[in-house]
Structure formats: C-alpha cells, structure tokens
Amino acid sequence: MIKTDITIRSEEQTDPIDDYLECVTYCSVENLAEGNDCQTICMERHLKGNYF
C-alpha cells in the first residue's frame, strides 16, 4: 500500500522544464514580438522559482 501511494505521488509531480516546454508550445510562432512575451511569461511561471 505504501509503495502504491509513493508511485501515485511521483506520477503527479511534473518536471518544471516539461511544464515550460508545454507552455511554450501554445505561444504564437507567427508573431515574434508576442512570442517572446509568451516565452517570458512561461519562463516566469514555470522556471523562475526553480532555476533562477
């Protein structure tokens, strides 16, 4: 039972880099100015607390 609980918890945790990359995929490729803003928002939201 304990092993199952640990397995479920580890599956629920996601890597911040994966979250950042997923976020960036929603950024607009067509408009570079907005794309840079979007990338900055993703970086601040997903990476700033962990890596910067």
PDB file of N, CA and C in Angstrom:
ATOM      1  N   MET A   1       0.826  -1.200   0.000  1.00  0.00           N
ATOM      2  CA  MET A   1       0.000   0.000   0.000  1.00  0.00           C
ATOM      3  C   MET A   1       0.861   1.250   0.000  1.00  0.00           C
ATOM      4  N   ILE A   2       1.898   1.277   0.786  1.00  0.00           N
ATOM      5  CA  ILE A   2       2.767   2.456   0.831  1.00  0.00           C
ATOM      6  C   ILE A   2       3.462   2.653  -0.513  1.00  0.00           C
ATOM      7  N   LYS A   3       3.926   1.579  -1.114  1.00  0.00           N
ATOM      8  CA  LYS A   3       4.603   1.678  -2.403  1.00  0.00           C
ATOM      9  C   LYS A   3       3.670   2.252  -3.462  1.00  0.00           C
ATOM     10  N   THR A   4       2.436   1.847  -3.473  1.00  0.00           N
ATOM     11  CA  THR A   4       1.461   2.361  -4.430  1.00  0.00           C
ATOM     12  C   THR A   4       1.237   3.845  -4.227  1.00  0.00           C
ATOM     13  N   ASP A   5       1.160   4.280  -2.981  1.00  0.00           N
ATOM     14  CA  ASP A   5       0.957   5.688  -2.672  1.00  0.00           C
ATOM     15  C   ASP A   5       2.142   6.519  -3.166  1.00  0.00           C
ATOM     16  N   ILE A   6       3.344   6.029  -2.984  1.00  0.00           N
ATOM     17  CA  ILE A   6       4.533   6.741  -3.452  1.00  0.00           C
ATOM     18  C   ILE A   6       4.543   6.812  -4.968  1.00  0.00           C
ATOM     19  N   THR A   7       4.166   5.747  -5.624  1.00  0.00           N
ATOM     20  CA  THR A   7       4.123   5.722  -7.083  1.00  0.00           C
ATOM     21  C   THR A   7       3.128   6.741  -7.606  1.00  0.00           C
ATOM     22  N   ILE A   8       1.981   6.841  -7.009  1.00  0.00           N
ATOM     23  CA  ILE A   8       0.964   7.802  -7.434  1.00  0.00           C
ATOM     24  C   ILE A   8       1.472   9.218  -7.241  1.00  0.00           C
ATOM     25  N   ARG A   9       2.109   9.507  -6.136  1.00  0.00           N
ATOM     26  CA  ARG A   9       2.635  10.855  -5.892  1.00  0.00           C
ATOM     27  C   ARG A   9       3.713  11.222  -6.896  1.00  0.00           C
ATOM     28  N   SER A  10       4.604  10.303  -7.221  1.00  0.00           N
ATOM     29  CA  SER A  10       5.667  10.619  -8.171  1.00  0.00           C
ATOM     30  C   SER A  10       5.110  10.857  -9.568  1.00  0.00           C
ATOM     31  N   GLU A  11       4.028  10.187  -9.935  1.00  0.00           N
ATOM     32  CA  GLU A  11       3.411  10.408 -11.237  1.00  0.00           C
ATOM     33  C   GLU A  11       2.706  11.750 -11.302  1.00  0.00           C
ATOM     34  N   GLU A  12       2.213  12.240 -10.192  1.00  0.00           N
ATOM     35  CA  GLU A  12       1.508  13.508 -10.166  1.00  0.00           C
ATOM     36  C   GLU A  12       2.467  14.686 -10.286  1.00  0.00           C
ATOM     37  N   GLN A  13       3.695  14.544  -9.827  1.00  0.00           N
ATOM     38  CA  GLN A  13       4.669  15.610  -9.902  1.00  0.00           C
ATOM     39  C   GLN A  13       5.212  15.696 -11.319  1.00  0.00           C
ATOM     40  N   THR A  14       5.265  16.908 -11.841  1.00  0.00           N
ATOM     41  CA  THR A  14       5.789  17.094 -13.177  1.00  0.00           C
ATOM     42  C   THR A  14       7.066  17.915 -13.112  1.00  0.00           C
ATOM     43  N   ASP A  15       7.884  17.754 -14.102  1.00  0.00           N
ATOM     44  CA  ASP A  15       9.131  18.482 -14.187  1.00  0.00           C
ATOM     45  C   ASP A  15       8.838  19.908 -14.651  1.00  0.00           C
ATOM     46  N   PRO A  16       9.385  20.912 -13.992  1.00  0.00           N
ATOM     47  CA  PRO A  16       9.133  22.298 -14.409  1.00  0.00           C
ATOM     48  C   PRO A  16       9.559  22.571 -15.849  1.00  0.00           C
ATOM     49  N   ILE A  17      10.602  21.906 -16.310  1.00  0.00           N
ATOM     50  CA  ILE A  17      11.043  22.102 -17.686  1.00  0.00           C
ATOM     51  C   ILE A  17       9.990  21.568 -18.659  1.00  0.00           C
ATOM     52  N   ASP A  18       9.397  20.429 -18.332  1.00  0.00           N
ATOM     53  CA  ASP A  18       8.325  19.894 -19.175  1.00  0.00           C
ATOM     54  C   ASP A  18       7.136  20.846 -19.202  1.00  0.00           C
ATOM     55  N   ASP A  19       6.806  21.423 -18.046  1.00  0.00           N
ATOM     56  CA  ASP A  19       5.705  22.393 -17.983  1.00  0.00           C
ATOM     57  C   ASP A  19       6.020  23.621 -18.826  1.00  0.00           C
ATOM     58  N   TYR A  20       7.270  24.091 -18.756  1.00  0.00           N
ATOM     59  CA  TYR A  20       7.689  25.247 -19.549  1.00  0.00           C
ATOM     60  C   TYR A  20       7.576  24.946 -21.039  1.00  0.00           C
ATOM     61  N   LEU A  21       8.090  23.804 -21.462  1.00  0.00           N
ATOM     62  CA  LEU A  21       8.046  23.449 -22.879  1.00  0.00           C
ATOM     63  C   LEU A  21       6.613  23.294 -23.379  1.00  0.00           C
ATOM     64  N   GLU A  22       5.754  22.739 -22.542  1.00  0.00           N
ATOM     65  CA  GLU A  22       4.347  22.621 -22.922  1.00  0.00           C
ATOM     66  C   GLU A  22       3.721  24.002 -23.061  1.00  0.00           C
ATOM     67  N   CYS A  23       4.051  24.894 -22.156  1.00  0.00           N
ATOM     68  CA  CYS A  23       3.528  26.260 -22.202  1.00  0.00           C
ATOM     69  C   CYS A  23       3.989  26.964 -23.471  1.00  0.00           C
ATOM     70  N   VAL A  24       5.271  26.813 -23.813  1.00  0.00           N
ATOM     71  CA  VAL A  24       5.831  27.484 -24.984  1.00  0.00           C
ATOM     72  C   VAL A  24       5.179  26.983 -26.267  1.00  0.00           C
ATOM     73  N   THR A  25       4.737  25.745 -26.290  1.00  0.00           N
ATOM     74  CA  THR A  25       4.092  25.232 -27.498  1.00  0.00           C
ATOM     75  C   THR A  25       2.798  25.975 -27.812  1.00  0.00           C
ATOM     76  N   TYR A  26       2.216  26.639 -26.832  1.00  0.00           N
ATOM     77  CA  TYR A  26       0.998  27.409 -27.064  1.00  0.00           C
ATOM     78  C   TYR A  26       1.293  28.838 -27.505  1.00  0.00           C
ATOM     79  N   CYS A  27       2.570  29.231 -27.480  1.00  0.00           N
ATOM     80  CA  CYS A  27       2.939  30.581 -27.915  1.00  0.00           C
ATOM     81  C   CYS A  27       2.823  30.694 -29.431  1.00  0.00           C
ATOM     82  N   SER A  28       2.527  31.878 -29.891  1.00  0.00           N
ATOM     83  CA  SER A  28       2.360  32.123 -31.317  1.00  0.00           C
ATOM     84  C   SER A  28       3.714  32.110 -32.020  1.00  0.00           C
ATOM     85  N   VAL A  29       3.823  31.347 -33.073  1.00  0.00           N
ATOM     86  CA  VAL A  29       5.052  31.287 -33.862  1.00  0.00           C
ATOM     87  C   VAL A  29       5.053  32.413 -34.895  1.00  0.00           C
ATOM     88  N   GLU A  30       3.893  32.842 -35.310  1.00  0.00           N
ATOM     89  CA  GLU A  30       3.773  33.831 -36.375  1.00  0.00           C
ATOM     90  C   GLU A  30       4.205  35.225 -35.939  1.00  0.00           C
ATOM     91  N   ASN A  31       3.896  35.615 -34.735  1.00  0.00           N
ATOM     92  CA  ASN A  31       4.213  36.960 -34.265  1.00  0.00           C
ATOM     93  C   ASN A  31       5.359  36.877 -33.266  1.00  0.00           C
ATOM     94  N   LEU A  32       6.553  37.243 -33.694  1.00  0.00           N
ATOM     95  CA  LEU A  32       7.734  37.090 -32.847  1.00  0.00           C
ATOM     96  C   LEU A  32       7.691  37.972 -31.602  1.00  0.00           C
ATOM     97  N   ALA A  33       7.163  39.184 -31.717  1.00  0.00           N
ATOM     98  CA  ALA A  33       7.108  40.079 -30.554  1.00  0.00           C
ATOM     99  C   ALA A  33       6.228  39.474 -29.467  1.00  0.00           C
ATOM    100  N   GLU A  34       5.057  39.017 -29.841  1.00  0.00           N
ATOM    101  CA  GLU A  34       4.172  38.385 -28.868  1.00  0.00           C
ATOM    102  C   GLU A  34       4.729  37.046 -28.422  1.00  0.00           C
ATOM    103  N   GLY A  35       5.406  36.346 -29.321  1.00  0.00           N
ATOM    104  CA  GLY A  35       6.005  35.065 -28.978  1.00  0.00           C
ATOM    105  C   GLY A  35       7.053  35.205 -27.893  1.00  0.00           C
ATOM    106  N   ASN A  36       7.861  36.270 -27.965  1.00  0.00           N
ATOM    107  CA  ASN A  36       8.868  36.500 -26.937  1.00  0.00           C
ATOM    108  C   ASN A  36       8.214  36.803 -25.595  1.00  0.00           C
ATOM    109  N   ASP A  37       7.140  37.593 -25.616  1.00  0.00           N
ATOM    110  CA  ASP A  37       6.411  37.865 -24.386  1.00  0.00           C
ATOM    111  C   ASP A  37       5.837  36.585 -23.809  1.00  0.00           C
ATOM    112  N   CYS A  38       5.315  35.762 -24.667  1.00  0.00           N
ATOM    113  CA  CYS A  38       4.727  34.498 -24.233  1.00  0.00           C
ATOM    114  C   CYS A  38       5.797  33.601 -23.615  1.00  0.00           C
ATOM    115  N   GLN A  39       6.965  33.539 -24.255  1.00  0.00           N
ATOM    116  CA  GLN A  39       8.050  32.726 -23.724  1.00  0.00           C
ATOM    117  C   GLN A  39       8.509  33.229 -22.371  1.00  0.00           C
ATOM    118  N   THR A  40       8.549  34.554 -22.209  1.00  0.00           N
ATOM    119  CA  THR A  40       8.940  35.148 -20.928  1.00  0.00           C
ATOM    120  C   THR A  40       7.929  34.799 -19.848  1.00  0.00           C
ATOM    121  N   ILE A  41       6.660  34.870 -20.195  1.00  0.00           N
ATOM    122  CA  ILE A  41       5.611  34.519 -19.234  1.00  0.00           C
ATOM    123  C   ILE A  41       5.739  33.059 -18.820  1.00  0.00           C
ATOM    124  N   CYS A  42       5.970  32.182 -19.796  1.00  0.00           N
ATOM    125  CA  CYS A  42       6.136  30.757 -19.483  1.00  0.00           C
ATOM    126  C   CYS A  42       7.346  30.535 -18.583  1.00  0.00           C
ATOM    127  N   MET A  43       8.450  31.244 -18.878  1.00  0.00           N
ATOM    128  CA  MET A  43       9.653  31.081 -18.077  1.00  0.00           C
ATOM    129  C   MET A  43       9.408  31.539 -16.633  1.00  0.00           C
ATOM    130  N   GLU A  44       8.768  32.686 -16.477  1.00  0.00           N
ATOM    131  CA  GLU A  44       8.498  33.191 -15.139  1.00  0.00           C
ATOM    132  C   GLU A  44       7.546  32.275 -14.380  1.00  0.00           C
ATOM    133  N   ARG A  45       6.575  31.736 -15.073  1.00  0.00           N
ATOM    134  CA  ARG A  45       5.566  30.900 -14.436  1.00  0.00           C
ATOM    135  C   ARG A  45       6.115  29.532 -14.030  1.00  0.00           C
ATOM    136  N   HIS A  46       6.949  28.936 -14.864  1.00  0.00           N
ATOM    137  CA  HIS A  46       7.339  27.547 -14.639  1.00  0.00           C
ATOM    138  C   HIS A  46       8.787  27.347 -14.188  1.00  0.00           C
ATOM    139  N   LEU A  47       9.679  28.272 -14.526  1.00  0.00           N
ATOM    140  CA  LEU A  47      11.097  28.036 -14.230  1.00  0.00           C
ATOM    141  C   LEU A  47      11.683  28.971 -13.182  1.00  0.00           C
ATOM    142  N   LYS A  48      11.146  30.161 -13.042  1.00  0.00           N
ATOM    143  CA  LYS A  48      11.761  31.163 -12.187  1.00  0.00           C
ATOM    144  C   LYS A  48      11.959  30.677 -10.754  1.00  0.00           C
ATOM    145  N   GLY A  49      10.989  30.046 -10.179  1.00  0.00           N
ATOM    146  CA  GLY A  49      11.097  29.581  -8.803  1.00  0.00           C
ATOM    147  C   GLY A  49      12.053  28.423  -8.622  1.00  0.00           C
ATOM    148  N   ASN A  50      12.340  27.702  -9.690  1.00  0.00           N
ATOM    149  CA  ASN A  50      13.173  26.511  -9.593  1.00  0.00           C
ATOM    150  C   ASN A  50      14.610  26.705 -10.069  1.00  0.00           C
ATOM    151  N   TYR A  51      14.809  27.591 -11.043  1.00  0.00           N
ATOM    152  CA  TYR A  51      16.126  27.704 -11.660  1.00  0.00           C
ATOM    153  C   TYR A  51      16.738  29.093 -11.616  1.00  0.00           C
ATOM    154  N   PHE A  52      15.952  30.129 -11.367  1.00  0.00           N
ATOM    155  CA  PHE A  52      16.505  31.484 -11.378  1.00  0.00           C
ATOM    156  C   PHE A  52      16.314  32.144 -10.048  1.00  0.00           C
TER     157      PHE A  52
END
